[in-house]
Protein backbone atom coordinates (compact mmCIF):
# COMPACT_ATOMS: atom_id res chain seq x y z
CA MET A 1 3.94 17.23 16.84
CA ASP A 2 7.55 19.55 16.03
CA TYR A 3 7.62 21.87 13.39
CA ARG A 4 9.55 19.57 11.42
CA ARG A 5 7.23 17.19 11.20
CA TRP A 6 4.31 19.47 10.28
CA ALA A 7 6.54 20.68 7.58
CA ARG A 8 7.55 16.98 6.32
CA HIS A 9 3.71 16.39 6.54
CA LEU A 10 2.90 19.53 4.49
CA LEU A 11 5.81 18.35 1.86
CA LEU A 12 4.23 14.80 1.59
CA PHE A 13 0.68 16.38 0.80
CA THR A 14 2.28 18.77 -1.56
CA VAL A 15 3.90 16.04 -3.78
CA ALA A 16 0.72 13.86 -3.36
CA LEU A 17 -1.58 16.64 -4.72
CA ILE A 18 1.21 17.26 -7.86
CA LEU A 19 1.28 13.39 -8.60
CA ILE A 20 -2.43 13.18 -8.56
CA TYR A 21 -3.09 16.04 -10.79
CA ALA A 22 -0.39 14.61 -12.75
CA PHE A 23 -1.78 11.22 -13.61
CA CYS A 24 -5.18 13.13 -13.71
CA GLN A 25 -3.76 15.00 -16.50
CA LEU A 26 -2.35 11.95 -17.98
CA LEU A 27 -5.49 10.82 -18.49
CA PRO A 28 -8.07 13.11 -20.01
CA ASP A 29 -10.34 11.07 -21.96
CA LYS A 30 -11.45 9.54 -18.19
CA PRO A 31 -14.42 11.00 -15.96
CA LEU A 32 -12.98 13.05 -13.08
CA MET A 33 -13.88 10.33 -10.31
CA GLN A 34 -12.19 7.44 -12.08
CA ALA A 35 -8.94 9.83 -13.27
CA LEU A 36 -9.20 10.73 -9.27
CA SER A 37 -9.49 6.84 -8.38
CA ILE A 38 -6.01 6.02 -10.37
CA GLY A 39 -4.23 8.93 -9.35
CA THR A 40 -4.85 8.53 -5.89
CA ALA A 41 -4.10 4.81 -6.16
CA TYR A 42 -0.84 5.38 -7.84
CA THR A 43 0.48 8.13 -5.67
CA SER A 44 -0.66 5.64 -3.02
CA LEU A 45 1.72 2.95 -4.29
CA LEU A 46 4.53 5.33 -4.57
CA TYR A 47 4.76 6.17 -1.16
CA PHE A 48 4.23 2.45 -0.10
CA ALA A 49 7.15 1.23 -2.04
CA VAL A 50 9.25 4.00 -0.36
CA THR A 51 7.79 2.59 3.08
CA LEU A 52 8.84 -0.46 2.47
CA SER A 53 11.78 -0.07 1.10
CA ILE A 54 13.56 2.23 4.01
CA GLY A 55 14.22 -0.44 6.34
CA PRO A 56 15.57 -2.99 3.65
CA VAL A 57 17.88 -0.11 2.69
CA ASN A 58 19.32 0.62 5.86
CA LEU A 59 20.13 -2.65 6.12
CA ILE A 60 21.78 -3.42 2.88
CA ARG A 61 23.64 -0.18 4.08
CA SER A 62 24.63 -1.57 7.81
CA ARG A 63 23.17 1.33 9.19
CA ARG A 64 20.91 1.26 12.41
CA ASN A 65 17.30 0.12 11.94
CA PRO A 66 14.86 1.56 14.29
CA LEU A 67 11.63 -0.25 15.24
CA SER A 68 9.95 3.24 13.76
CA SER A 69 11.44 6.05 12.49
CA LEU A 70 9.25 9.25 12.21
CA LEU A 71 9.92 9.49 8.48
CA ARG A 72 8.79 5.99 7.50
CA ARG A 73 5.54 6.39 9.85
CA ASP A 74 4.56 9.50 7.81
CA LEU A 75 5.04 7.89 4.44
CA GLY A 76 3.47 4.69 5.60
CA ILE A 77 0.21 7.31 7.06
CA TRP A 78 -0.06 9.11 3.71
CA SER A 79 0.24 5.92 1.76
CA GLY A 80 -2.70 5.01 4.05
CA ILE A 81 -4.45 8.00 3.77
CA LEU A 82 -4.11 7.89 -0.28
CA ALA A 83 -5.35 4.46 -0.47
CA LEU A 84 -8.35 5.26 1.32
CA ALA A 85 -9.13 8.08 -0.92
CA HIS A 86 -8.62 6.00 -3.56
CA THR A 87 -11.35 3.30 -2.10
CA ILE A 88 -13.81 6.11 -1.37
CA THR A 89 -13.58 7.63 -5.25
CA GLY A 90 -13.45 4.29 -6.95
CA LEU A 91 -16.56 3.04 -5.32
CA GLN A 92 -18.07 6.24 -7.18
CA VAL A 93 -16.71 4.94 -11.07
CA HIS A 94 -19.65 2.22 -11.39
CA PHE A 95 -22.89 1.54 -10.68
CA LYS A 96 -23.71 5.93 -10.13
CA GLY A 97 -22.68 4.86 -6.61
CA ARG A 98 -24.73 2.15 -5.44
CA LEU A 99 -21.69 0.76 -3.62
CA ILE A 100 -23.31 -2.58 -2.60
CA GLN A 101 -22.97 -3.80 -6.11
CA TYR A 102 -19.52 -3.84 -6.26
CA PHE A 103 -19.61 -6.49 -3.75
CA ILE A 104 -23.02 -8.22 -4.40
CA TYR A 105 -24.39 -9.39 -7.56
CA PRO A 106 -27.32 -6.47 -9.59
CA PRO A 107 -30.84 -7.73 -8.24
CA ASP A 108 -32.11 -8.99 -11.64
CA GLU A 109 -29.28 -11.54 -11.83
CA SER A 110 -30.10 -14.63 -10.67
CA HIS A 111 -27.30 -16.73 -8.26
CA VAL A 112 -27.15 -19.53 -6.31
CA LEU A 113 -25.23 -17.00 -3.85
CA PRO A 114 -26.07 -13.36 -4.08
CA PHE A 115 -21.61 -12.62 -3.30
CA ARG A 116 -20.20 -11.47 -6.50
CA THR A 117 -17.60 -14.27 -7.44
CA ASP A 118 -16.60 -12.56 -10.66
CA PRO A 119 -13.33 -11.06 -11.28
CA PHE A 120 -14.91 -7.93 -10.69
CA GLY A 121 -16.61 -9.21 -7.40
CA LEU A 122 -13.45 -10.85 -6.45
CA THR A 123 -10.82 -7.93 -6.73
CA ASN A 124 -13.28 -5.61 -4.90
CA TYR A 125 -12.83 -8.11 -2.03
CA ILE A 126 -9.29 -7.52 -2.30
CA GLY A 127 -9.74 -4.08 -2.52
CA LEU A 128 -11.39 -3.65 0.66
CA ILE A 129 -9.37 -6.05 2.85
CA SER A 130 -6.49 -4.02 1.53
CA ALA A 131 -8.18 -0.84 2.44
CA LEU A 132 -9.69 -2.48 6.14
CA ILE A 133 -5.51 -3.46 6.51
CA MET A 134 -4.56 0.29 6.00
CA ILE A 135 -6.89 1.46 8.50
CA ALA A 136 -5.64 -0.99 11.20
CA LEU A 137 -1.94 0.12 10.40
CA LEU A 138 -3.10 3.59 10.41
CA CYS A 139 -4.61 3.57 14.05
CA LEU A 140 -1.41 1.72 15.06
CA SER A 141 0.92 4.05 13.79
CA ASN A 142 1.70 6.13 16.81
CA ASN A 143 3.72 6.25 19.92
CA ARG A 144 1.10 5.02 22.27
CA SER A 145 -0.08 1.89 20.61
CA ILE A 146 3.48 0.49 21.18
CA ARG A 147 3.83 1.43 24.53
CA ILE A 148 0.27 -0.46 25.02
CA MET A 149 0.59 -3.61 22.43
CA GLY A 150 4.95 -3.76 23.35
CA ALA A 151 7.53 -3.94 20.50
CA SER A 152 7.25 -7.18 19.22
CA SER A 153 3.05 -7.47 18.67
CA TRP A 154 3.42 -4.08 17.29
CA LYS A 155 5.84 -5.48 15.03
CA LYS A 156 3.89 -8.66 14.33
CA TRP A 157 0.79 -6.50 13.43
CA HIS A 158 2.37 -4.41 10.98
CA ARG A 159 3.70 -7.49 8.89
CA LEU A 160 0.29 -7.11 7.54
CA ALA A 161 2.06 -4.37 5.26
CA TYR A 162 3.32 -7.44 3.50
CA VAL A 163 0.01 -9.08 2.49
CA LEU A 164 -0.31 -5.68 0.39
CA VAL A 165 2.60 -6.28 -1.97
CA LEU A 166 0.71 -9.20 -2.90
CA ALA A 167 -2.83 -7.56 -2.68
CA ILE A 168 -2.76 -4.46 -4.62
CA PRO A 169 -0.93 -5.42 -7.74
CA ALA A 170 -3.83 -8.16 -8.08
CA HIS A 171 -6.02 -5.82 -7.64
CA GLY A 172 -4.68 -3.20 -10.39
CA LEU A 173 -3.69 -5.82 -12.70
CA VAL A 174 -7.42 -7.37 -12.67
CA TYR A 175 -8.83 -4.32 -12.99
CA GLN A 176 -6.92 -3.28 -16.01
CA LEU A 177 -7.68 -6.45 -17.49
CA LEU A 178 -11.37 -5.66 -16.97
CA GLU A 179 -11.39 -2.26 -18.26
CA LYS A 180 -8.63 -3.11 -20.96
CA ARG A 181 -6.18 -0.14 -19.88
CA ILE A 182 -3.27 -2.43 -20.49
CA GLY A 183 -0.43 -0.39 -20.98
CA ALA A 184 1.77 2.75 -19.85
CA TYR A 185 0.28 2.02 -16.58
CA THR A 186 0.43 -1.44 -16.02
CA MET A 187 4.17 -1.42 -16.85
CA LEU A 188 4.51 1.14 -14.00
CA LEU A 189 2.42 -0.87 -11.45
CA LEU A 190 4.45 -4.32 -12.07
CA ALA A 191 7.43 -2.01 -12.03
CA ILE A 192 7.17 -0.25 -8.12
CA SER A 193 5.76 -3.74 -7.26
CA SER A 194 8.93 -5.60 -8.91
CA VAL A 195 11.21 -2.78 -6.74
CA ILE A 196 9.18 -3.57 -3.59
CA VAL A 197 9.97 -7.10 -3.82
CA ALA A 198 13.49 -6.83 -4.98
CA VAL A 199 13.99 -4.27 -2.17
CA GLN A 200 12.73 -6.62 0.63
CA ILE A 201 14.48 -9.51 -0.43
CA SER A 202 17.45 -7.86 -0.92
CA GLY A 203 17.19 -6.76 2.82
CA PHE A 204 15.90 -10.08 4.15
CA LEU A 205 19.57 -11.54 2.73
CA ARG A 206 21.40 -8.96 4.17
CA PHE A 207 19.45 -9.20 7.28
CA ARG A 208 20.00 -13.51 7.40
CA ARG A 209 23.73 -12.97 6.49
CA ALA A 210 24.53 -10.98 9.20
CA ARG A 211 22.59 -13.01 11.63
CA ASP A 212 24.87 -16.07 10.30
CA SER A 213 27.52 -13.95 11.21
CA ARG A 214 26.56 -13.07 14.64
CA SER A 215 25.79 -16.82 15.20
CA LEU A 216 29.24 -17.93 13.71
CA THR A 217 31.15 -15.44 16.01
CA ASP A 218 29.30 -16.10 19.14
CA SER A 219 29.73 -19.97 18.71
CA GLU A 220 33.73 -19.41 17.85
CA THR A 221 33.90 -17.47 21.12
CA ALA A 222 31.94 -19.94 23.60
């Protein structure tokens, strides 16, 4: 890794710390772990939004869109790291660290199946699936994976990121409803998610128009 990439990682790490600190300062009434959970979640979401916007913006601006750019990869790596930090801190907020109760009903409650199917449990399962997807994407974010898997297969696996476009806002909104935190953070979550969707749709439409234009040109010259 050259010094420029090391410098970029240091910058992304520093910006992440500043953002997390800022989010925590906006939550003075929350316990430390809950504030860190929220701060890492929103910082990860911001990095994720920028990561997913680079490709569509290149298409909209008619610029070359490589399979994998180092900037997009590094942003994605930090988004994943922060998402895992959110998972770890978030699992410390309730039940005094008894992680199993996020997914299994408490032993003093009687249910046909032990797995939680209430909104709290379901949103935790969504969060767990999202974390596993992030881990998979982190493991594939290197040139060796591209060489071993081939560009086409590698790209298909990275399309799992689009699952997160829906899963992350759903997970966040349910938690905010459950904890009665509807307000500025909800608006921020919806705004970032809307930007991601809008940029993706714009990029797709630009790609389809360019493809149709090429097809029309090829048919005319045939």
